[in-house]
Structure formats: structure tokens, C-alpha cells
């Protein structure tokens, strides 16, 4: 799936170090959530499965926050 142009613009608007993180996150999320819809939602990049927000990220004052929704669990020990 192609990353939405608004998300690319969001990433491009960040400072260089933050932009690198945002670009890496958007590519990884898009690669691993096959068939997800992505768009800017509440001013932040978010990926949706079946119309429900699942993962996104946002720029905070001093970091990039990775966010998860919908009670998704991780399939890893510990």
C-alpha cells in the first residue's frame, strides 16, 4: 500500500532527526499492516484496520510517540 501524501507531508515537516524516525515508522507500519488504510487522524498519522485505528505516531515536544489502539496484543513471550 502507498503511504498517504498527507503522512509524507507530516513527516517532511519534522526536524531532520524526527523526520528520520517518522519515515522509518511509516515504512515499517505500512509494510507490516498489509491492507491497512492510513491517513492523518486528529492531526497525526494513523493506520486503520476494518475502520478501527490500530497504530500511529505523533510528535511530542522532545520525542516521537508510537501509539496503539483497539486492544491489539503482541504475540511474543514476556
PDB file of N, CA and C in Angstrom:
ATOM      1  N   UNK A   1       0.853  -1.184   0.000  1.00  0.00           N
ATOM      2  CA  UNK A   1       0.000   0.000   0.000  1.00  0.00           C
ATOM      3  C   UNK A   1       0.894   1.241   0.000  1.00  0.00           C
ATOM      4  N   UNK A   2       0.406   2.278  -0.599  1.00  0.00           N
ATOM      5  CA  UNK A   2       1.146   3.532  -0.661  1.00  0.00           C
ATOM      6  C   UNK A   2       0.829   4.386   0.561  1.00  0.00           C
ATOM      7  N   UNK A   3       1.855   4.987   1.120  1.00  0.00           N
ATOM      8  CA  UNK A   3       1.662   5.869   2.273  1.00  0.00           C
ATOM      9  C   UNK A   3       0.969   7.138   1.792  1.00  0.00           C
ATOM     10  N   UNK A   4      -0.064   7.542   2.488  1.00  0.00           N
ATOM     11  CA  UNK A   4      -0.877   8.700   2.121  1.00  0.00           C
ATOM     12  C   UNK A   4      -0.004   9.948   2.009  1.00  0.00           C
ATOM     13  N   UNK A   5      -0.223  10.779   0.983  1.00  0.00           N
ATOM     14  CA  UNK A   5       0.570  12.004   0.808  1.00  0.00           C
ATOM     15  C   UNK A   5       0.546  12.932   2.028  1.00  0.00           C
ATOM     16  N   UNK A   6      -0.560  12.956   2.765  1.00  0.00           N
ATOM     17  CA  UNK A   6      -0.620  13.798   3.965  1.00  0.00           C
ATOM     18  C   UNK A   6       0.348  13.310   5.044  1.00  0.00           C
ATOM     19  N   UNK A   7       0.553  11.994   5.120  1.00  0.00           N
ATOM     20  CA  UNK A   7       1.510  11.451   6.080  1.00  0.00           C
ATOM     21  C   UNK A   7       2.924  11.791   5.644  1.00  0.00           C
ATOM     22  N   UNK A   8       3.186  11.701   4.356  1.00  0.00           N
ATOM     23  CA  UNK A   8       4.507  12.088   3.847  1.00  0.00           C
ATOM     24  C   UNK A   8       4.783  13.559   4.143  1.00  0.00           C
ATOM     25  N   UNK A   9       3.763  14.403   3.997  1.00  0.00           N
ATOM     26  CA  UNK A   9       3.914  15.832   4.298  1.00  0.00           C
ATOM     27  C   UNK A   9       4.147  16.048   5.797  1.00  0.00           C
ATOM     28  N   UNK A  10       3.435  15.298   6.643  1.00  0.00           N
ATOM     29  CA  UNK A  10       3.628  15.373   8.097  1.00  0.00           C
ATOM     30  C   UNK A  10       5.082  15.050   8.435  1.00  0.00           C
ATOM     31  N   UNK A  11       5.583  13.950   7.866  1.00  0.00           N
ATOM     32  CA  UNK A  11       6.963  13.551   8.131  1.00  0.00           C
ATOM     33  C   UNK A  11       7.939  14.622   7.661  1.00  0.00           C
ATOM     34  N   UNK A  12       7.707  15.143   6.483  1.00  0.00           N
ATOM     35  CA  UNK A  12       8.613  16.141   5.896  1.00  0.00           C
ATOM     36  C   UNK A  12       8.652  17.428   6.711  1.00  0.00           C
ATOM     37  N   UNK A  13       7.604  17.716   7.461  1.00  0.00           N
ATOM     38  CA  UNK A  13       7.532  18.952   8.248  1.00  0.00           C
ATOM     39  C   UNK A  13       8.331  18.858   9.551  1.00  0.00           C
ATOM     40  N   UNK A  14       8.839  17.668   9.880  1.00  0.00           N
ATOM     41  CA  UNK A  14       9.575  17.484  11.139  1.00  0.00           C
ATOM     42  C   UNK A  14      11.035  17.882  10.964  1.00  0.00           C
ATOM     43  N   UNK A  15      11.695  18.167  12.079  1.00  0.00           N
ATOM     44  CA  UNK A  15      13.145  18.412  12.075  1.00  0.00           C
ATOM     45  C   UNK A  15      13.837  17.144  11.572  1.00  0.00           C
ATOM     46  N   UNK A  16      15.051  17.258  11.079  1.00  0.00           N
ATOM     47  CA  UNK A  16      15.752  16.153  10.412  1.00  0.00           C
ATOM     48  C   UNK A  16      15.768  14.854  11.224  1.00  0.00           C
ATOM     49  N   UNK A  17      16.146  14.911  12.487  1.00  0.00           N
ATOM     50  CA  UNK A  17      16.221  13.693  13.308  1.00  0.00           C
ATOM     51  C   UNK A  17      14.843  13.071  13.497  1.00  0.00           C
ATOM     52  N   UNK A  18      13.829  13.902  13.758  1.00  0.00           N
ATOM     53  CA  UNK A  18      12.468  13.406  13.930  1.00  0.00           C
ATOM     54  C   UNK A  18      11.907  12.887  12.607  1.00  0.00           C
ATOM     55  N   UNK A  19      12.260  13.543  11.518  1.00  0.00           N
ATOM     56  CA  UNK A  19      11.797  13.111  10.196  1.00  0.00           C
ATOM     57  C   UNK A  19      12.319  11.707   9.894  1.00  0.00           C
ATOM     58  N   UNK A  20      13.557  11.437  10.244  1.00  0.00           N
ATOM     59  CA  UNK A  20      14.123  10.103  10.007  1.00  0.00           C
ATOM     60  C   UNK A  20      13.342   9.036  10.787  1.00  0.00           C
ATOM     61  N   UNK A  21      12.979   9.344  12.023  1.00  0.00           N
ATOM     62  CA  UNK A  21      12.190   8.418  12.843  1.00  0.00           C
ATOM     63  C   UNK A  21      10.806   8.236  12.232  1.00  0.00           C
ATOM     64  N   UNK A  22      10.154   9.327  11.876  1.00  0.00           N
ATOM     65  CA  UNK A  22       8.806   9.256  11.295  1.00  0.00           C
ATOM     66  C   UNK A  22       8.806   8.477   9.979  1.00  0.00           C
ATOM     67  N   UNK A  23       9.818   8.706   9.144  1.00  0.00           N
ATOM     68  CA  UNK A  23       9.907   7.968   7.886  1.00  0.00           C
ATOM     69  C   UNK A  23      10.083   6.474   8.133  1.00  0.00           C
ATOM     70  N   UNK A  24      10.951   6.128   9.088  1.00  0.00           N
ATOM     71  CA  UNK A  24      11.175   4.712   9.407  1.00  0.00           C
ATOM     72  C   UNK A  24       9.907   4.070   9.967  1.00  0.00           C
ATOM     73  N   UNK A  25       9.215   4.787  10.854  1.00  0.00           N
ATOM     74  CA  UNK A  25       7.971   4.250  11.420  1.00  0.00           C
ATOM     75  C   UNK A  25       6.911   4.052  10.350  1.00  0.00           C
ATOM     76  N   UNK A  26       6.711   5.054   9.505  1.00  0.00           N
ATOM     77  CA  UNK A  26       5.652   4.943   8.492  1.00  0.00           C
ATOM     78  C   UNK A  26       5.934   3.787   7.538  1.00  0.00           C
ATOM     79  N   UNK A  27       7.187   3.594   7.148  1.00  0.00           N
ATOM     80  CA  UNK A  27       7.527   2.486   6.245  1.00  0.00           C
ATOM     81  C   UNK A  27       7.326   1.138   6.930  1.00  0.00           C
ATOM     82  N   UNK A  28       7.761   1.021   8.183  1.00  0.00           N
ATOM     83  CA  UNK A  28       7.624  -0.245   8.907  1.00  0.00           C
ATOM     84  C   UNK A  28       6.151  -0.577   9.163  1.00  0.00           C
ATOM     85  N   UNK A  29       5.385   0.403   9.601  1.00  0.00           N
ATOM     86  CA  UNK A  29       3.961   0.169   9.869  1.00  0.00           C
ATOM     87  C   UNK A  29       3.261  -0.233   8.582  1.00  0.00           C
ATOM     88  N   UNK A  30       3.511   0.504   7.519  1.00  0.00           N
ATOM     89  CA  UNK A  30       2.851   0.218   6.248  1.00  0.00           C
ATOM     90  C   UNK A  30       3.233  -1.166   5.727  1.00  0.00           C
ATOM     91  N   UNK A  31       4.478  -1.565   5.900  1.00  0.00           N
ATOM     92  CA  UNK A  31       4.954  -2.864   5.432  1.00  0.00           C
ATOM     93  C   UNK A  31       4.294  -4.007   6.210  1.00  0.00           C
ATOM     94  N   UNK A  32       4.089  -3.832   7.515  1.00  0.00           N
ATOM     95  CA  UNK A  32       3.596  -4.920   8.354  1.00  0.00           C
ATOM     96  C   UNK A  32       2.076  -4.954   8.518  1.00  0.00           C
ATOM     97  N   UNK A  33       1.390  -3.873   8.218  1.00  0.00           N
ATOM     98  CA  UNK A  33      -0.072  -3.863   8.293  1.00  0.00           C
ATOM     99  C   UNK A  33      -0.644  -3.877   6.877  1.00  0.00           C
ATOM    100  N   UNK A  34      -0.501  -5.001   6.231  1.00  0.00           N
ATOM    101  CA  UNK A  34      -0.986  -5.151   4.857  1.00  0.00           C
ATOM    102  C   UNK A  34      -2.484  -4.854   4.792  1.00  0.00           C
ATOM    103  N   UNK A  35      -2.866  -4.022   3.854  1.00  0.00           N
ATOM    104  CA  UNK A  35      -4.273  -3.711   3.645  1.00  0.00           C
ATOM    105  C   UNK A  35      -4.832  -2.652   4.565  1.00  0.00           C
ATOM    106  N   UNK A  36      -3.997  -2.082   5.430  1.00  0.00           N
ATOM    107  CA  UNK A  36      -4.486  -1.039   6.343  1.00  0.00           C
ATOM    108  C   UNK A  36      -4.657   0.276   5.584  1.00  0.00           C
ATOM    109  N   UNK A  37      -5.658   1.027   5.988  1.00  0.00           N
ATOM    110  CA  UNK A  37      -5.848   2.389   5.472  1.00  0.00           C
ATOM    111  C   UNK A  37      -5.035   3.316   6.354  1.00  0.00           C
ATOM    112  N   UNK A  38      -4.307   4.236   5.751  1.00  0.00           N
ATOM    113  CA  UNK A  38      -3.560   5.198   6.551  1.00  0.00           C
ATOM    114  C   UNK A  38      -3.961   6.615   6.160  1.00  0.00           C
ATOM    115  N   UNK A  39      -3.992   7.475   7.164  1.00  0.00           N
ATOM    116  CA  UNK A  39      -4.360   8.876   6.936  1.00  0.00           C
ATOM    117  C   UNK A  39      -3.982   9.687   8.169  1.00  0.00           C
ATOM    118  N   UNK A  40      -4.092  10.986   8.044  1.00  0.00           N
ATOM    119  CA  UNK A  40      -3.932  11.862   9.200  1.00  0.00           C
ATOM    120  C   UNK A  40      -5.263  11.857   9.953  1.00  0.00           C
ATOM    121  N   UNK A  41      -5.186  11.551  11.235  1.00  0.00           N
ATOM    122  CA  UNK A  41      -6.373  11.466  12.083  1.00  0.00           C
ATOM    123  C   UNK A  41      -6.068  12.222  13.363  1.00  0.00           C
ATOM    124  N   UNK A  42      -6.869  13.203  13.686  1.00  0.00           N
ATOM    125  CA  UNK A  42      -6.609  14.073  14.841  1.00  0.00           C
ATOM    126  C   UNK A  42      -5.193  14.653  14.774  1.00  0.00           C
ATOM    127  N   UNK A  43      -4.802  15.053  13.566  1.00  0.00           N
ATOM    128  CA  UNK A  43      -3.530  15.721  13.270  1.00  0.00           C
ATOM    129  C   UNK A  43      -2.306  14.814  13.334  1.00  0.00           C
ATOM    130  N   UNK A  44      -2.493  13.478  13.382  1.00  0.00           N
ATOM    131  CA  UNK A  44      -1.360  12.564  13.470  1.00  0.00           C
ATOM    132  C   UNK A  44      -1.532  11.398  12.500  1.00  0.00           C
ATOM    133  N   UNK A  45      -0.429  10.823  11.997  1.00  0.00           N
ATOM    134  CA  UNK A  45      -0.523   9.661  11.128  1.00  0.00           C
ATOM    135  C   UNK A  45      -1.059   8.445  11.889  1.00  0.00           C
ATOM    136  N   UNK A  46      -2.080   7.807  11.323  1.00  0.00           N
ATOM    137  CA  UNK A  46      -2.697   6.642  11.958  1.00  0.00           C
ATOM    138  C   UNK A  46      -3.057   5.624  10.873  1.00  0.00           C
ATOM    139  N   UNK A  47      -2.887   4.327  11.202  1.00  0.00           N
ATOM    140  CA  UNK A  47      -3.249   3.227  10.317  1.00  0.00           C
ATOM    141  C   UNK A  47      -4.463   2.521  10.900  1.00  0.00           C
ATOM    142  N   UNK A  48      -5.421   2.202  10.029  1.00  0.00           N
ATOM    143  CA  UNK A  48      -6.707   1.626  10.419  1.00  0.00           C
ATOM    144  C   UNK A  48      -6.871   0.241   9.801  1.00  0.00           C
ATOM    145  N   UNK A  49      -7.429  -0.691  10.570  1.00  0.00           N
ATOM    146  CA  UNK A  49      -7.843  -1.994  10.064  1.00  0.00           C
ATOM    147  C   UNK A  49      -9.337  -2.111  10.294  1.00  0.00           C
ATOM    148  N   UNK A  50     -10.068  -2.411   9.251  1.00  0.00           N
ATOM    149  CA  UNK A  50     -11.530  -2.531   9.335  1.00  0.00           C
ATOM    150  C   UNK A  50     -12.167  -1.291   9.951  1.00  0.00           C
ATOM    151  N   UNK A  51     -11.632  -0.119   9.633  1.00  0.00           N
ATOM    152  CA  UNK A  51     -12.187   1.136  10.113  1.00  0.00           C
ATOM    153  C   UNK A  51     -11.801   1.519  11.526  1.00  0.00           C
ATOM    154  N   UNK A  52     -11.010   0.683  12.192  1.00  0.00           N
ATOM    155  CA  UNK A  52     -10.595   0.954  13.570  1.00  0.00           C
ATOM    156  C   UNK A  52      -9.132   1.378  13.608  1.00  0.00           C
ATOM    157  N   UNK A  53      -8.812   2.436  14.363  1.00  0.00           N
ATOM    158  CA  UNK A  53      -7.411   2.841  14.479  1.00  0.00           C
ATOM    159  C   UNK A  53      -6.617   1.745  15.183  1.00  0.00           C
ATOM    160  N   UNK A  54      -5.431   1.453  14.667  1.00  0.00           N
ATOM    161  CA  UNK A  54      -4.589   0.414  15.253  1.00  0.00           C
ATOM    162  C   UNK A  54      -3.256   0.937  15.729  1.00  0.00           C
ATOM    163  N   UNK A  55      -2.601   1.717  14.911  1.00  0.00           N
ATOM    164  CA  UNK A  55      -1.268   2.204  15.271  1.00  0.00           C
ATOM    165  C   UNK A  55      -1.036   3.556  14.601  1.00  0.00           C
ATOM    166  N   UNK A  56      -0.280   4.381  15.282  1.00  0.00           N
ATOM    167  CA  UNK A  56       0.067   5.685  14.729  1.00  0.00           C
ATOM    168  C   UNK A  56       1.225   6.266  15.521  1.00  0.00           C
ATOM    169  N   UNK A  57       1.576   7.479  15.186  1.00  0.00           N
ATOM    170  CA  UNK A  57       2.643   8.152  15.918  1.00  0.00           C
ATOM    171  C   UNK A  57       2.374   9.645  15.926  1.00  0.00           C
ATOM    172  N   UNK A  58       2.996  10.313  16.877  1.00  0.00           N
ATOM    173  CA  UNK A  58       2.830  11.762  16.965  1.00  0.00           C
ATOM    174  C   UNK A  58       4.108  12.392  17.503  1.00  0.00           C
ATOM    175  N   UNK A  59       4.325  13.613  17.101  1.00  0.00           N
ATOM    176  CA  UNK A  59       5.477  14.383  17.565  1.00  0.00           C
ATOM    177  C   UNK A  59       5.101  15.063  18.862  1.00  0.00           C
ATOM    178  N   UNK A  60       5.857  14.766  19.905  1.00  0.00           N
ATOM    179  CA  UNK A  60       5.717  15.471  21.164  1.00  0.00           C
ATOM    180  C   UNK A  60       6.855  16.483  21.258  1.00  0.00           C
ATOM    181  N   UNK A  61       6.893  17.210  22.320  1.00  0.00           N
ATOM    182  CA  UNK A  61       7.904  18.262  22.468  1.00  0.00           C
ATOM    183  C   UNK A  61       9.324  17.736  22.270  1.00  0.00           C
ATOM    184  N   UNK A  62       9.627  16.583  22.863  1.00  0.00           N
ATOM    185  CA  UNK A  62      11.001  16.095  22.822  1.00  0.00           C
ATOM    186  C   UNK A  62      11.153  14.664  22.302  1.00  0.00           C
ATOM    187  N   UNK A  63      10.110  14.136  21.662  1.00  0.00           N
ATOM    188  CA  UNK A  63      10.200  12.762  21.173  1.00  0.00           C
ATOM    189  C   UNK A  63       9.081  12.476  20.167  1.00  0.00           C
ATOM    190  N   UNK A  64       9.141  11.282  19.586  1.00  0.00           N
ATOM    191  CA  UNK A  64       8.066  10.771  18.749  1.00  0.00           C
ATOM    192  C   UNK A  64       7.397   9.660  19.545  1.00  0.00           C
ATOM    193  N   UNK A  65       6.082   9.732  19.716  1.00  0.00           N
ATOM    194  CA  UNK A  65       5.346   8.725  20.483  1.00  0.00           C
ATOM    195  C   UNK A  65       4.689   7.748  19.510  1.00  0.00           C
ATOM    196  N   UNK A  66       4.931   6.449  19.725  1.00  0.00           N
ATOM    197  CA  UNK A  66       4.276   5.398  18.973  1.00  0.00           C
ATOM    198  C   UNK A  66       3.036   4.992  19.757  1.00  0.00           C
ATOM    199  N   UNK A  67       1.881   4.951  19.085  1.00  0.00           N
ATOM    200  CA  UNK A  67       0.610   4.710  19.775  1.00  0.00           C
ATOM    201  C   UNK A  67      -0.083   3.471  19.205  1.00  0.00           C
ATOM    202  N   UNK A  68      -0.745   2.700  20.090  1.00  0.00           N
ATOM    203  CA  UNK A  68      -1.509   1.524  19.684  1.00  0.00           C
ATOM    204  C   UNK A  68      -2.927   1.637  20.225  1.00  0.00           C
ATOM    205  N   UNK A  69      -3.900   1.117  19.456  1.00  0.00           N
ATOM    206  CA  UNK A  69      -5.304   1.119  19.857  1.00  0.00           C
ATOM    207  C   UNK A  69      -5.924  -0.256  19.662  1.00  0.00           C
ATOM    208  N   UNK A  70      -7.186  -0.315  20.032  1.00  0.00           N
ATOM    209  CA  UNK A  70      -8.067  -1.445  19.731  1.00  0.00           C
ATOM    210  C   UNK A  70      -7.698  -2.752  20.429  1.00  0.00           C
ATOM    211  N   UNK A  71      -6.980  -2.651  21.513  1.00  0.00           N
ATOM    212  CA  UNK A  71      -6.695  -3.845  22.283  1.00  0.00           C
ATOM    213  C   UNK A  71      -5.845  -4.878  21.570  1.00  0.00           C
ATOM    214  N   UNK A  72      -5.093  -4.467  20.581  1.00  0.00           N
ATOM    215  CA  UNK A  72      -4.212  -5.408  19.895  1.00  0.00           C
ATOM    216  C   UNK A  72      -3.177  -5.927  20.894  1.00  0.00           C
ATOM    217  N   UNK A  73      -2.907  -7.215  20.814  1.00  0.00           N
ATOM    218  CA  UNK A  73      -1.911  -7.786  21.700  1.00  0.00           C
ATOM    219  C   UNK A  73      -0.686  -8.196  20.890  1.00  0.00           C
ATOM    220  N   UNK A  74       0.403  -8.370  21.598  1.00  0.00           N
ATOM    221  CA  UNK A  74       1.632  -8.793  20.952  1.00  0.00           C
ATOM    222  C   UNK A  74       1.793 -10.286  21.128  1.00  0.00           C
ATOM    223  N   UNK A  75       2.260 -10.945  20.115  1.00  0.00           N
ATOM    224  CA  UNK A  75       2.413 -12.388  20.103  1.00  0.00           C
ATOM    225  C   UNK A  75       3.871 -12.757  20.400  1.00  0.00           C
ATOM    226  N   UNK A  76       4.379 -12.249  21.523  1.00  0.00           N
ATOM    227  CA  UNK A  76       5.761 -12.512  21.884  1.00  0.00           C
ATOM    228  C   UNK A  76       5.851 -12.886  23.354  1.00  0.00           C
ATOM    229  N   UNK A  77       6.785 -13.757  23.703  1.00  0.00           N
ATOM    230  CA  UNK A  77       6.942 -14.132  25.110  1.00  0.00           C
ATOM    231  C   UNK A  77       7.312 -12.916  25.965  1.00  0.00           C
ATOM    232  N   UNK A  78       6.775 -12.891  27.150  1.00  0.00           N
ATOM    233  CA  UNK A  78       7.134 -11.841  28.109  1.00  0.00           C
ATOM    234  C   UNK A  78       6.477 -10.541  27.837  1.00  0.00           C
TER     235      UNK A  78
END
